C-alpha atoms as a PDB file:
ATOM      1  CA  UNK A   1     -20.015 -31.949 -15.980  1.00  0.00           C
ATOM      2  CA  UNK A   2     -17.578 -31.210 -18.773  1.00  0.00           C
ATOM      3  CA  UNK A   3     -18.298 -27.481 -18.545  1.00  0.00           C
ATOM      4  CA  UNK A   4     -17.819 -27.534 -14.769  1.00  0.00           C
ATOM      5  CA  UNK A   5     -14.519 -29.368 -15.180  1.00  0.00           C
ATOM      6  CA  UNK A   6     -13.375 -26.903 -17.814  1.00  0.00           C
ATOM      7  CA  UNK A   7     -14.304 -23.975 -15.551  1.00  0.00           C
ATOM      8  CA  UNK A   8     -12.347 -25.457 -12.648  1.00  0.00           C
ATOM      9  CA  UNK A   9      -9.320 -25.946 -14.875  1.00  0.00           C
ATOM     10  CA  UNK A  10      -9.596 -22.344 -16.025  1.00  0.00           C
ATOM     11  CA  UNK A  11      -9.629 -21.112 -12.422  1.00  0.00           C
ATOM     12  CA  UNK A  12      -6.649 -23.298 -11.564  1.00  0.00           C
ATOM     13  CA  UNK A  13      -4.706 -22.009 -14.571  1.00  0.00           C
ATOM     14  CA  UNK A  14      -5.452 -18.418 -13.630  1.00  0.00           C
ATOM     15  CA  UNK A  15      -4.169 -19.073 -10.114  1.00  0.00           C
ATOM     16  CA  UNK A  16      -1.023 -20.668 -11.541  1.00  0.00           C
ATOM     17  CA  UNK A  17      -0.434 -17.636 -13.762  1.00  0.00           C
ATOM     18  CA  UNK A  18      -0.774 -15.213 -10.830  1.00  0.00           C
ATOM     19  CA  UNK A  19       1.490 -17.198  -8.523  1.00  0.00           C
ATOM     20  CA  UNK A  20       4.124 -17.551 -11.236  1.00  0.00           C
ATOM     21  CA  UNK A  21       3.866 -13.887 -12.200  1.00  0.00           C
ATOM     22  CA  UNK A  22       4.166 -12.819  -8.561  1.00  0.00           C
ATOM     23  CA  UNK A  23       7.463 -14.685  -8.286  1.00  0.00           C
ATOM     24  CA  UNK A  24       8.849 -13.390 -11.592  1.00  0.00           C
ATOM     25  CA  UNK A  25       7.932  -9.749 -10.975  1.00  0.00           C
ATOM     26  CA  UNK A  26       9.361  -9.913  -7.449  1.00  0.00           C
ATOM     27  CA  UNK A  27      12.689 -11.098  -8.880  1.00  0.00           C
ATOM     28  CA  UNK A  28      13.114  -9.071 -12.066  1.00  0.00           C
ATOM     29  CA  UNK A  29      10.817  -6.071 -11.611  1.00  0.00           C
ATOM     30  CA  UNK A  30       7.926  -4.487 -13.461  1.00  0.00           C
ATOM     31  CA  UNK A  31       9.952  -2.885 -16.242  1.00  0.00           C
ATOM     32  CA  UNK A  32      11.739  -6.131 -17.110  1.00  0.00           C
ATOM     33  CA  UNK A  33       8.708  -8.404 -16.980  1.00  0.00           C
ATOM     34  CA  UNK A  34       6.996  -9.020 -20.306  1.00  0.00           C
ATOM     35  CA  UNK A  35       3.745 -10.756 -21.143  1.00  0.00           C
ATOM     36  CA  UNK A  36       5.740 -13.046 -23.405  1.00  0.00           C
ATOM     37  CA  UNK A  37       7.987 -14.133 -20.530  1.00  0.00           C
ATOM     38  CA  UNK A  38       5.025 -14.775 -18.247  1.00  0.00           C
ATOM     39  CA  UNK A  39       3.228 -16.720 -20.957  1.00  0.00           C
ATOM     40  CA  UNK A  40       6.245 -18.925 -21.609  1.00  0.00           C
ATOM     41  CA  UNK A  41       6.617 -19.617 -17.890  1.00  0.00           C
ATOM     42  CA  UNK A  42       3.117 -21.142 -17.732  1.00  0.00           C
ATOM     43  CA  UNK A  43       3.125 -22.796 -21.145  1.00  0.00           C
ATOM     44  CA  UNK A  44       0.792 -20.386 -22.938  1.00  0.00           C
ATOM     45  CA  UNK A  45       0.920 -17.998 -25.862  1.00  0.00           C
ATOM     46  CA  UNK A  46       0.668 -14.280 -25.143  1.00  0.00           C
ATOM     47  CA  UNK A  47      -2.893 -14.318 -26.498  1.00  0.00           C
ATOM     48  CA  UNK A  48      -3.708 -17.328 -24.357  1.00  0.00           C
ATOM     49  CA  UNK A  49      -2.360 -15.624 -21.251  1.00  0.00           C
ATOM     50  CA  UNK A  50      -4.276 -12.387 -21.789  1.00  0.00           C
ATOM     51  CA  UNK A  51      -7.438 -14.431 -22.355  1.00  0.00           C
ATOM     52  CA  UNK A  52      -7.559 -14.829 -18.566  1.00  0.00           C
ATOM     53  CA  UNK A  53      -7.190 -11.119 -17.802  1.00  0.00           C
ATOM     54  CA  UNK A  54      -8.144  -9.042 -20.837  1.00  0.00           C
ATOM     55  CA  UNK A  55      -5.249  -6.581 -20.907  1.00  0.00           C
ATOM     56  CA  UNK A  56      -1.662  -6.323 -19.738  1.00  0.00           C
ATOM     57  CA  UNK A  57      -2.634  -3.582 -17.283  1.00  0.00           C
ATOM     58  CA  UNK A  58      -5.360  -5.729 -15.745  1.00  0.00           C
ATOM     59  CA  UNK A  59      -2.915  -8.632 -15.464  1.00  0.00           C
ATOM     60  CA  UNK A  60      -0.562  -6.490 -13.393  1.00  0.00           C
ATOM     61  CA  UNK A  61      -3.453  -5.229 -11.262  1.00  0.00           C
ATOM     62  CA  UNK A  62      -4.355  -8.828 -10.487  1.00  0.00           C
ATOM     63  CA  UNK A  63      -0.718  -9.541  -9.595  1.00  0.00           C
ATOM     64  CA  UNK A  64      -0.895  -6.734  -7.023  1.00  0.00           C
ATOM     65  CA  UNK A  65      -4.217  -8.061  -5.766  1.00  0.00           C
ATOM     66  CA  UNK A  66      -2.623 -11.474  -5.299  1.00  0.00           C
ATOM     67  CA  UNK A  67       0.277  -9.845  -3.454  1.00  0.00           C
ATOM     68  CA  UNK A  68      -2.220  -8.281  -1.040  1.00  0.00           C
ATOM     69  CA  UNK A  69      -3.839 -11.673  -0.461  1.00  0.00           C
ATOM     70  CA  UNK A  70      -0.477 -13.290   0.307  1.00  0.00           C
ATOM     71  CA  UNK A  71       0.588 -10.450   2.597  1.00  0.00           C
ATOM     72  CA  UNK A  72      -2.694 -10.669   4.464  1.00  0.00           C
ATOM     73  CA  UNK A  73      -2.149 -14.374   5.148  1.00  0.00           C
ATOM     74  CA  UNK A  74       1.468 -13.913   6.226  1.00  0.00           C
ATOM     75  CA  UNK A  75       1.328 -10.673   8.190  1.00  0.00           C
ATOM     76  CA  UNK A  76      -2.335 -10.424   9.154  1.00  0.00           C
ATOM     77  CA  UNK A  77      -2.587  -7.199   7.163  1.00  0.00           C
ATOM     78  CA  UNK A  78      -2.340  -6.346   3.491  1.00  0.00           C
ATOM     79  CA  UNK A  79      -0.973  -3.322   1.748  1.00  0.00           C
ATOM     80  CA  UNK A  80      -4.483  -1.889   1.601  1.00  0.00           C
ATOM     81  CA  UNK A  81      -4.846  -2.020   5.379  1.00  0.00           C
ATOM     82  CA  UNK A  82      -7.276  -4.956   5.473  1.00  0.00           C
ATOM     83  CA  UNK A  83      -6.911  -7.117   8.579  1.00  0.00           C
ATOM     84  CA  UNK A  84      -7.699 -10.804   8.988  1.00  0.00           C
ATOM     85  CA  UNK A  85      -8.101 -10.383  12.750  1.00  0.00           C
ATOM     86  CA  UNK A  86      -7.604  -7.776  15.487  1.00  0.00           C
ATOM     87  CA  UNK A  87      -3.875  -7.192  15.323  1.00  0.00           C
ATOM     88  CA  UNK A  88      -0.986  -5.062  16.444  1.00  0.00           C
ATOM     89  CA  UNK A  89      -1.254  -2.969  13.312  1.00  0.00           C
ATOM     90  CA  UNK A  90       1.983  -0.992  13.819  1.00  0.00           C
ATOM     91  CA  UNK A  91       3.969  -4.203  14.230  1.00  0.00           C
ATOM     92  CA  UNK A  92       2.229  -5.823  11.242  1.00  0.00           C
ATOM     93  CA  UNK A  93       2.830  -2.855   8.948  1.00  0.00           C
ATOM     94  CA  UNK A  94       6.465  -2.592  10.021  1.00  0.00           C
ATOM     95  CA  UNK A  95       7.002  -6.291   9.269  1.00  0.00           C
ATOM     96  CA  UNK A  96       5.268  -5.854   5.915  1.00  0.00           C
ATOM     97  CA  UNK A  97       7.496  -2.918   4.961  1.00  0.00           C
ATOM     98  CA  UNK A  98      10.570  -4.894   5.989  1.00  0.00           C
ATOM     99  CA  UNK A  99       9.412  -7.766   3.767  1.00  0.00           C
ATOM    100  CA  UNK A 100       8.946  -5.374   0.852  1.00  0.00           C
ATOM    101  CA  UNK A 101      12.691  -4.736   0.801  1.00  0.00           C
ATOM    102  CA  UNK A 102      13.078  -8.408  -0.146  1.00  0.00           C
ATOM    103  CA  UNK A 103      10.777  -8.116  -3.174  1.00  0.00           C
ATOM    104  CA  UNK A 104      11.951  -4.936  -4.931  1.00  0.00           C
ATOM    105  CA  UNK A 105      10.250  -5.890  -8.179  1.00  0.00           C
ATOM    106  CA  UNK A 106       6.833  -5.788  -6.533  1.00  0.00           C
ATOM    107  CA  UNK A 107       7.621  -2.434  -4.929  1.00  0.00           C
ATOM    108  CA  UNK A 108       8.548  -1.151  -8.372  1.00  0.00           C
ATOM    109  CA  UNK A 109       5.342  -2.545  -9.874  1.00  0.00           C
ATOM    110  CA  UNK A 110       3.197  -0.919  -7.196  1.00  0.00           C
ATOM    111  CA  UNK A 111       4.947   2.447  -7.400  1.00  0.00           C
ATOM    112  CA  UNK A 112       4.966   2.633 -11.190  1.00  0.00           C
ATOM    113  CA  UNK A 113       1.439   1.396 -11.744  1.00  0.00           C
ATOM    114  CA  UNK A 114      -0.109   3.484  -8.962  1.00  0.00           C
ATOM    115  CA  UNK A 115       1.464   6.593 -10.486  1.00  0.00           C
ATOM    116  CA  UNK A 116       0.310   5.749 -14.006  1.00  0.00           C
ATOM    117  CA  UNK A 117      -3.186   4.883 -12.780  1.00  0.00           C
ATOM    118  CA  UNK A 118      -3.776   8.381 -11.403  1.00  0.00           C
ATOM    119  CA  UNK A 119      -5.327   9.196 -14.794  1.00  0.00           C
ATOM    120  CA  UNK A 120      -9.094   8.603 -14.437  1.00  0.00           C
ATOM    121  CA  UNK A 121      -9.322   6.575 -17.656  1.00  0.00           C
ATOM    122  CA  UNK A 122      -6.460   4.224 -16.753  1.00  0.00           C
ATOM    123  CA  UNK A 123      -7.568   0.553 -16.433  1.00  0.00           C
ATOM    124  CA  UNK A 124      -6.095   0.361 -12.920  1.00  0.00           C
ATOM    125  CA  UNK A 125      -7.567   3.642 -11.646  1.00  0.00           C
ATOM    126  CA  UNK A 126     -10.537   2.098  -9.851  1.00  0.00           C
ATOM    127  CA  UNK A 127      -8.352  -0.562  -8.226  1.00  0.00           C
ATOM    128  CA  UNK A 128      -6.016   1.960  -6.614  1.00  0.00           C
ATOM    129  CA  UNK A 129      -8.807   4.381  -5.722  1.00  0.00           C
ATOM    130  CA  UNK A 130     -10.755   1.670  -3.917  1.00  0.00           C
ATOM    131  CA  UNK A 131      -7.583   0.283  -2.353  1.00  0.00           C
ATOM    132  CA  UNK A 132      -6.704   3.653  -0.823  1.00  0.00           C
ATOM    133  CA  UNK A 133     -10.278   4.175   0.366  1.00  0.00           C
ATOM    134  CA  UNK A 134     -10.315   0.793   2.102  1.00  0.00           C
ATOM    135  CA  UNK A 135      -6.833   1.321   3.523  1.00  0.00           C
ATOM    136  CA  UNK A 136      -7.711   4.631   5.131  1.00  0.00           C
ATOM    137  CA  UNK A 137     -10.973   3.261   6.495  1.00  0.00           C
ATOM    138  CA  UNK A 138      -9.294   0.214   8.038  1.00  0.00           C
ATOM    139  CA  UNK A 139      -6.527   2.220   9.681  1.00  0.00           C
ATOM    140  CA  UNK A 140      -8.954   4.837  10.987  1.00  0.00           C
ATOM    141  CA  UNK A 141     -11.038   2.035  12.511  1.00  0.00           C
ATOM    142  CA  UNK A 142      -7.927   0.577  14.158  1.00  0.00           C
ATOM    143  CA  UNK A 143      -7.026   3.982  15.616  1.00  0.00           C
ATOM    144  CA  UNK A 144     -10.518   4.377  17.088  1.00  0.00           C
ATOM    145  CA  UNK A 145     -10.325   0.876  18.599  1.00  0.00           C
ATOM    146  CA  UNK A 146      -6.997   1.700  20.220  1.00  0.00           C
ATOM    147  CA  UNK A 147      -8.310   5.025  21.494  1.00  0.00           C
ATOM    148  CA  UNK A 148     -11.298   3.271  23.047  1.00  0.00           C
ATOM    149  CA  UNK A 149      -8.917   0.784  24.684  1.00  0.00           C
ATOM    150  CA  UNK A 150      -6.745   3.601  26.006  1.00  0.00           C
ATOM    151  CA  UNK A 151      -3.719   2.594  23.923  1.00  0.00           C
ATOM    152  CA  UNK A 152      -3.701   5.745  21.768  1.00  0.00           C
ATOM    153  CA  UNK A 153      -4.375   9.332  22.739  1.00  0.00           C
ATOM    154  CA  UNK A 154      -7.891  10.627  22.217  1.00  0.00           C
ATOM    155  CA  UNK A 155      -6.554  13.777  20.563  1.00  0.00           C
ATOM    156  CA  UNK A 156      -5.410  11.912  17.444  1.00  0.00           C
ATOM    157  CA  UNK A 157      -7.606  12.349  14.368  1.00  0.00           C
ATOM    158  CA  UNK A 158      -8.101   8.815  12.934  1.00  0.00           C
ATOM    159  CA  UNK A 159      -8.795   9.937   9.359  1.00  0.00           C
ATOM    160  CA  UNK A 160      -5.829  12.304   9.179  1.00  0.00           C
ATOM    161  CA  UNK A 161      -3.520   9.743  10.731  1.00  0.00           C
ATOM    162  CA  UNK A 162      -4.592   7.182   8.104  1.00  0.00           C
ATOM    163  CA  UNK A 163      -3.819   9.614   5.272  1.00  0.00           C
ATOM    164  CA  UNK A 164      -0.416  10.386   6.777  1.00  0.00           C
ATOM    165  CA  UNK A 165       0.435   6.706   7.227  1.00  0.00           C
ATOM    166  CA  UNK A 166      -0.056   5.767   3.592  1.00  0.00           C
ATOM    167  CA  UNK A 167       1.594   8.937   2.360  1.00  0.00           C
ATOM    168  CA  UNK A 168       4.604   7.952   4.470  1.00  0.00           C
ATOM    169  CA  UNK A 169       4.656   4.356   3.254  1.00  0.00           C
ATOM    170  CA  UNK A 170       4.402   5.325  -0.415  1.00  0.00           C
ATOM    171  CA  UNK A 171       6.968   8.085   0.007  1.00  0.00           C
ATOM    172  CA  UNK A 172       9.397   5.765   1.776  1.00  0.00           C
ATOM    173  CA  UNK A 173       9.137   3.264  -1.056  1.00  0.00           C
ATOM    174  CA  UNK A 174       9.919   5.951  -3.618  1.00  0.00           C
ATOM    175  CA  UNK A 175      12.969   7.121  -1.680  1.00  0.00           C
ATOM    176  CA  UNK A 176      14.101   3.548  -1.006  1.00  0.00           C
ATOM    177  CA  UNK A 177      14.114   2.743  -4.722  1.00  0.00           C
ATOM    178  CA  UNK A 178      16.614   5.587  -5.188  1.00  0.00           C
ATOM    179  CA  UNK A 179      18.589   4.758  -2.067  1.00  0.00           C
ATOM    180  CA  UNK A 180      18.213   1.180  -0.734  1.00  0.00           C
ATOM    181  CA  UNK A 181      20.177   2.136   2.373  1.00  0.00           C
ATOM    182  CA  UNK A 182      17.075   3.884   3.720  1.00  0.00           C
ATOM    183  CA  UNK A 183      15.588   1.602   6.376  1.00  0.00           C
ATOM    184  CA  UNK A 184      11.884   1.822   5.629  1.00  0.00           C
ATOM    185  CA  UNK A 185      10.898  -0.369   8.566  1.00  0.00           C
ATOM    186  CA  UNK A 186      12.916   1.721  11.020  1.00  0.00           C
ATOM    187  CA  UNK A 187      11.441   4.950   9.695  1.00  0.00           C
ATOM    188  CA  UNK A 188       7.908   3.568   9.929  1.00  0.00           C
ATOM    189  CA  UNK A 189       8.605   2.329  13.449  1.00  0.00           C
ATOM    190  CA  UNK A 190       9.734   5.835  14.402  1.00  0.00           C
ATOM    191  CA  UNK A 191       6.479   7.233  12.997  1.00  0.00           C
ATOM    192  CA  UNK A 192       4.460   4.903  15.229  1.00  0.00           C
ATOM    193  CA  UNK A 193       6.545   5.955  18.227  1.00  0.00           C
ATOM    194  CA  UNK A 194       5.702   9.582  17.514  1.00  0.00           C
ATOM    195  CA  UNK A 195       2.043   8.674  17.192  1.00  0.00           C
ATOM    196  CA  UNK A 196       2.052   6.782  20.482  1.00  0.00           C
ATOM    197  CA  UNK A 197       4.195   9.168  22.521  1.00  0.00           C
ATOM    198  CA  UNK A 198       3.987  12.616  20.896  1.00  0.00           C
ATOM    199  CA  UNK A 199       1.546  15.413  21.715  1.00  0.00           C
ATOM    200  CA  UNK A 200      -2.046  15.152  20.543  1.00  0.00           C
ATOM    201  CA  UNK A 201      -3.491  17.316  17.828  1.00  0.00           C
ATOM    202  CA  UNK A 202      -4.970  19.672  20.385  1.00  0.00           C
ATOM    203  CA  UNK A 203      -1.441  20.370  21.593  1.00  0.00           C
ATOM    204  CA  UNK A 204       0.142  20.939  18.183  1.00  0.00           C
ATOM    205  CA  UNK A 205      -0.779  23.831  15.924  1.00  0.00           C
ATOM    206  CA  UNK A 206      -3.762  24.701  18.072  1.00  0.00           C
ATOM    207  CA  UNK A 207      -2.855  28.373  18.217  1.00  0.00           C
ATOM    208  CA  UNK A 208      -1.590  30.563  15.375  1.00  0.00           C
ATOM    209  CA  UNK A 209       1.785  32.266  15.804  1.00  0.00           C
ATOM    210  CA  UNK A 210       1.539  35.518  17.711  1.00  0.00           C
ATOM    211  CA  UNK A 211       2.078  38.705  15.780  1.00  0.00           C
ATOM    212  CA  UNK A 212       4.536  41.374  16.963  1.00  0.00           C
ATOM    213  CA  UNK A 213       2.955  43.887  19.308  1.00  0.00           C
ATOM    214  CA  UNK A 214       1.708  47.060  17.640  1.00  0.00           C
ATOM    215  CA  UNK A 215       3.898  50.114  17.988  1.00  0.00           C
ATOM    216  CA  UNK A 216       1.936  52.555  20.175  1.00  0.00           C
ATOM    217  CA  UNK A 217       4.662  55.147  20.596  1.00  0.00           C
ATOM    218  CA  UNK A 218       3.145  57.381  17.984  1.00  0.00           C
ATOM    219  CA  UNK A 219       6.078  56.920  15.643  1.00  0.00           C
ATOM    220  CA  UNK A 220       4.227  55.722  12.541  1.00  0.00           C
ATOM    221  CA  UNK A 221       6.149  55.304   9.344  1.00  0.00           C
END
């Protein structure tokens, strides 16, 4: 019984650390958040804090994972595209992006860590790789569902559209950090309008540009 009680307390403390860290990072940003500050906020030493996560990098990965869980509860969709129920995905993503402007520290954490984790041996590499894989799969599934329902054009390629969506979202966040006047939600909404109303893939780029007609006058130079 004592071991079970100790385990439950450990889980509760880990949850407290993540919730506290989520709030601190959202307010002050990734670059200004230290393990020491997080440890002090939950009444632990730095060693005691890292006991729950192993490394600083893994701690920040778990903060992002917690952010996805919160976003999924609030918006019905998380940053990795996972849905809690059939949803209006364009509306949910647009609301999520709008919310991200209110938590710049978490946007900074995601952008910085995802860039650093591109190295295969980085502790967060597998997290971001799997997150992107799941995101693309979820969005592609949504596109197919909407095509079957007649809400999206059959000519759209679900896999390509999913790649484009997350490239747009990540790119918008990078530009927004340099210029907060960029309205990420408005830009994303415009993208969805193009998807819903623009020509299908069979109508765009289906034929290569025509070459100038050959000169048959006999004047060859």
